[in-house]
Protein backbone atom coordinates (compact mmCIF):
# COMPACT_ATOMS: atom_id res chain seq x y z
CA MET A 1 -11.16 -16.93 8.54
CA GLU A 2 -9.08 -13.88 9.51
CA LEU A 3 -5.40 -12.97 9.34
CA SER A 4 -3.31 -10.29 10.99
CA CYS A 5 -2.72 -7.21 8.86
CA GLU A 6 0.90 -6.63 7.81
CA ASN A 7 0.48 -2.87 8.17
CA CYS A 8 -1.16 -2.67 11.60
CA VAL A 9 -2.09 -4.93 14.52
CA ASN A 10 -5.67 -5.51 13.41
CA GLU A 11 -7.31 -8.30 11.44
CA LYS A 12 -8.08 -8.44 7.76
CA VAL A 13 -11.35 -9.26 6.09
CA ILE A 14 -10.99 -12.03 3.54
CA HIS A 15 -12.61 -12.05 0.10
CA LYS A 16 -12.24 -15.40 -1.66
CA GLY A 17 -12.36 -15.05 -5.45
CA LYS A 18 -12.16 -17.49 -8.33
CA TYR A 19 -8.36 -17.23 -8.56
CA ASP A 20 -7.09 -15.42 -5.46
CA ILE A 21 -7.78 -14.64 -1.83
CA PHE A 22 -7.95 -10.88 -1.26
CA LEU A 23 -7.21 -9.40 2.14
CA GLU A 24 -8.73 -6.09 3.20
CA CYS A 25 -7.91 -4.26 6.43
CA GLN A 26 -10.75 -2.12 7.75
CA ASP A 27 -8.40 -0.10 9.96
CA CYS A 28 -5.47 0.96 7.78
CA LEU A 29 -7.66 0.73 4.65
CA LYS A 30 -5.10 -1.31 2.70
CA GLY A 31 -5.51 -4.49 0.73
CA CYS A 32 -3.35 -7.21 -0.79
CA VAL A 33 -3.45 -10.60 -2.47
CA LYS A 34 -2.70 -13.46 -0.08
CA GLN A 35 0.33 -15.55 -0.98
CA ILE A 36 -0.69 -19.16 -1.56
CA ASP A 37 1.41 -22.26 -2.16
CA SER A 38 -0.32 -23.29 -5.39
CA CYS A 39 -0.87 -21.25 -8.55
CA CYS A 40 -4.42 -20.26 -7.55
CA VAL A 41 -7.18 -20.96 -5.02
CA SER A 42 -8.47 -24.17 -6.67
CA PRO A 43 -5.93 -25.36 -9.26
CA GLU A 44 -6.90 -27.78 -12.04
CA ILE A 45 -3.56 -29.00 -13.36
CA ILE A 46 -3.33 -30.98 -16.59
CA SER A 47 -0.50 -31.88 -18.96
CA ILE A 48 -0.63 -30.07 -22.30
CA ASN A 49 1.22 -29.66 -25.55
CA MET A 50 2.30 -26.04 -25.89
CA PRO A 51 4.25 -25.59 -29.15
CA ARG A 52 7.34 -23.37 -29.18
CA ILE A 53 7.74 -20.45 -31.62
CA ASP A 54 9.34 -22.86 -34.10
CA LYS A 55 6.21 -25.10 -33.76
CA LYS A 56 8.14 -27.83 -31.98
CA PRO A 57 5.84 -29.53 -29.39
CA THR A 58 6.62 -29.27 -25.69
CA LYS A 59 4.98 -30.87 -22.68
CA ARG A 60 4.03 -28.58 -19.83
CA ASN A 61 1.77 -28.55 -16.79
CA PHE A 62 -1.11 -26.12 -17.19
CA CYS A 63 -3.78 -24.86 -14.79
CA LYS A 64 -7.13 -24.76 -16.58
CA ARG A 65 -8.47 -22.44 -13.89
CA CYS A 66 -5.93 -19.60 -13.83
CA GLY A 67 -3.83 -20.16 -16.98
CA HIS A 68 -0.53 -20.74 -15.16
CA VAL A 69 2.02 -22.65 -17.26
CA SER A 70 4.95 -24.50 -15.70
CA GLY A 71 8.38 -25.08 -17.20
CA LEU A 72 9.18 -27.91 -19.55
CA VAL A 73 8.18 -31.43 -18.48
CA LYS A 74 10.03 -34.44 -19.88
CA MET A 75 7.91 -36.61 -22.18
CA SER A 76 7.67 -40.32 -21.45
CA ASN A 77 8.15 -41.03 -25.17
CA PRO A 78 8.77 -38.86 -28.30
CA ASP A 79 5.14 -39.14 -29.46
CA GLU A 80 3.45 -38.39 -26.12
CA TRP A 81 2.64 -34.83 -27.21
CA LYS A 82 0.19 -36.21 -29.81
CA LYS A 83 -2.11 -37.41 -27.02
CA LEU A 84 -1.96 -34.15 -25.07
CA PRO A 85 -4.50 -31.34 -25.47
CA LEU A 86 -3.13 -28.42 -27.50
CA VAL A 87 -2.96 -25.08 -25.67
CA THR A 88 -1.19 -22.10 -27.21
CA ARG A 89 0.60 -19.40 -25.21
CA GLU A 90 -2.04 -16.92 -26.40
CA GLN A 91 -4.84 -19.08 -24.99
CA ALA A 92 -3.06 -19.40 -21.65
CA ASN A 93 -2.46 -15.64 -21.51
CA GLU A 94 -6.13 -14.98 -22.20
CA ILE A 95 -7.10 -16.98 -19.12
CA ALA A 96 -4.35 -15.33 -17.03
CA ASP A 97 -5.48 -11.86 -18.14
CA GLU A 98 -8.89 -12.48 -16.61
CA ARG A 99 -7.19 -13.12 -13.28
CA TYR A 100 -5.24 -9.86 -13.43
CA LYS A 101 -8.43 -7.97 -14.30
CA LYS A 102 -9.89 -9.27 -11.02
CA ARG A 103 -6.78 -8.11 -9.16
CA ARG A 104 -6.90 -4.66 -10.73
CA ALA A 105 -10.59 -4.40 -9.84
CA PHE A 106 -9.81 -5.28 -6.21
CA TYR A 107 -7.06 -2.64 -5.93
CA ALA A 108 -9.36 -0.09 -7.58
CA TYR A 109 -12.01 -0.95 -4.96
CA ILE A 110 -9.45 -0.43 -2.14
CA GLN A 111 -8.27 2.88 -3.63
CA ASN A 112 -11.86 4.07 -3.97
CA LYS A 113 -12.56 3.27 -0.30
CA ARG A 114 -9.42 5.15 0.75
CA SER A 115 -10.38 8.16 -1.37
CA GLU A 116 -13.92 8.20 0.07
CA TYR A 117 -12.49 8.08 3.58
CA PHE A 118 -10.05 10.90 2.81
CA GLU A 119 -12.74 13.19 1.42
CA SER A 120 -15.17 12.48 4.28
CA LYS A 121 -12.66 12.88 7.12
CA LYS A 122 -10.17 15.50 5.92
CA GLU A 123 -12.20 18.56 6.92
CA GLU A 124 -13.21 17.04 10.27
CA HIS A 125 -9.66 16.06 11.20
CA THR A 126 -8.15 19.34 10.01
CA LYS A 127 -10.60 21.22 12.25
CA LYS A 128 -9.71 19.00 15.22
CA TYR A 129 -5.99 19.57 14.65
CA HIS A 130 -6.34 23.36 14.44
CA GLU A 131 -8.47 23.38 17.60
CA TYR A 132 -5.69 21.45 19.33
CA LEU A 133 -3.13 24.09 18.28
CA LYS A 134 -5.24 26.66 20.16
CA SER A 135 -5.57 24.53 23.30
CA PRO A 136 -3.77 25.17 26.63
CA GLU A 137 -2.18 21.69 26.33
CA TRP A 138 -0.46 22.57 23.05
CA LYS A 139 0.56 26.04 24.22
CA ASP A 140 2.21 24.45 27.25
CA ARG A 141 4.05 21.86 25.15
CA ARG A 142 5.11 24.51 22.65
CA LEU A 143 6.54 26.75 25.37
CA ARG A 144 8.43 23.88 27.02
CA VAL A 145 10.00 22.88 23.68
CA LEU A 146 11.06 26.45 22.92
CA ASN A 147 12.56 26.78 26.41
CA ARG A 148 14.31 23.43 26.08
CA ASP A 149 15.88 24.56 22.81
CA LYS A 150 16.61 28.02 24.26
CA TYR A 151 14.64 29.58 21.40
CA ILE A 152 17.34 28.50 18.92
CA CYS A 153 16.27 26.97 15.61
CA GLN A 154 17.36 23.32 15.70
CA ALA A 155 17.54 23.14 11.90
CA CYS A 156 20.09 25.92 11.30
CA LEU A 157 21.27 26.58 14.89
CA ILE A 158 21.54 30.28 13.94
CA ASN A 159 18.15 31.97 13.86
CA GLU A 160 15.72 32.54 16.68
CA ALA A 161 13.10 29.78 16.85
CA THR A 162 9.55 31.06 16.37
CA GLN A 163 7.69 27.81 15.71
CA VAL A 164 7.50 24.25 17.01
CA HIS A 165 7.55 21.54 14.35
CA HIS A 166 6.25 17.96 14.61
CA LEU A 167 8.96 15.42 13.74
CA THR A 168 6.24 12.74 13.73
CA TYR A 169 2.48 12.63 14.15
CA ASP A 170 2.50 9.14 15.68
CA ARG A 171 1.55 10.45 19.15
CA ILE A 172 -0.38 13.57 18.17
CA PHE A 173 -2.36 15.23 21.02
CA LYS A 174 -0.17 13.44 23.59
CA GLU A 175 3.25 14.10 22.09
CA PRO A 176 6.33 13.49 24.21
CA LEU A 177 8.61 16.50 23.80
CA PHE A 178 11.15 14.54 21.73
CA ASP A 179 8.51 14.40 18.98
CA LEU A 180 8.79 18.19 18.68
CA THR A 181 11.55 20.59 17.73
CA SER A 182 11.99 24.36 17.60
CA VAL A 183 12.51 26.02 14.20
CA CYS A 184 12.65 29.47 12.64
CA ASP A 185 10.17 30.58 9.97
CA SER A 186 12.68 30.11 7.16
CA CYS A 187 13.65 26.55 8.13
CA HIS A 188 10.03 25.60 8.79
CA ASN A 189 9.10 26.66 5.27
CA SER A 190 12.10 24.76 3.89
CA ILE A 191 11.02 21.57 5.67
CA HIS A 192 7.57 21.72 4.09
CA ASN A 193 9.05 22.59 0.70
CA ILE A 194 11.20 19.45 0.94
CA GLU A 195 8.02 17.40 1.47
CA ILE A 196 6.52 18.99 -1.63
CA GLU A 197 9.73 18.31 -3.62
CA ILE A 198 9.68 14.64 -2.58
CA PHE A 199 6.34 14.22 -4.32
CA LYS A 200 7.34 16.07 -7.46
CA GLY A 201 6.44 13.82 -10.39
CA SER A 202 4.30 11.53 -8.20
CA SER A 203 0.85 10.53 -9.40
CA GLU A 204 -2.29 11.95 -7.83
CA ASP A 205 -3.01 8.54 -6.26
CA GLN A 206 0.49 8.36 -4.69
CA ILE A 207 0.11 11.80 -3.13
CA LYS A 208 -3.40 11.02 -1.91
CA ASN A 209 -2.26 7.71 -0.41
CA TYR A 210 0.48 9.54 1.50
CA GLU A 211 -2.11 11.98 2.87
CA ILE A 212 -4.51 9.14 3.76
CA ASN A 213 -1.79 7.19 5.58
CA LYS A 214 -0.83 10.32 7.49
CA LEU A 215 -4.48 10.98 8.37
CA LEU A 216 -5.00 7.39 9.55
CA LYS A 217 -1.82 7.52 11.64
CA VAL A 218 -2.91 10.73 13.33
CA PHE A 219 -6.61 10.13 13.84
CA GLY A 220 -7.30 6.45 13.17
CA PRO A 221 -10.13 5.12 10.96
């Protein structure tokens, strides 16, 4: 069983767990929990008595498998609760916590795979990119962009342009010229400083995920 990935055009690998179905994309290296119509993969729904804080009995539907508790269910008679199994909110939460531990473990597994990819490919891809910047193809593109912009920085429209900046890396190595713009040294530094500022206060994982996504977009898996 395979499904299309929401992040790219490829298919996801499916891991069926006790509570959830986990989807993992081998290409964009992302994962998610599949939305299902029921509370879990194989629900076991029973009616229970779950007392309120004031100890008053209430009838609810409860999944023995994942701990999901529904809203109030009307009793057929005032004493019906006496025949229902007693389940406290704490007991239900204990079962539900086990499910969320499985989810956290899955996302940790995905993050670990992404980190391993990043560490193994970063040096290789950086080398490839810098080799490209020395190639005749890039020098030709760079010159055509500078000539198009008449050597005027397109960020400030004042200074002489000395560099060509990528607006996107989506078509790296075969960039159409509208993916590139001419900038001066000052504006080029400002652009990269803005990127750094955007991630101020971000966690290490958030920054790494941004770098991984950028790497995948440029070079693929």
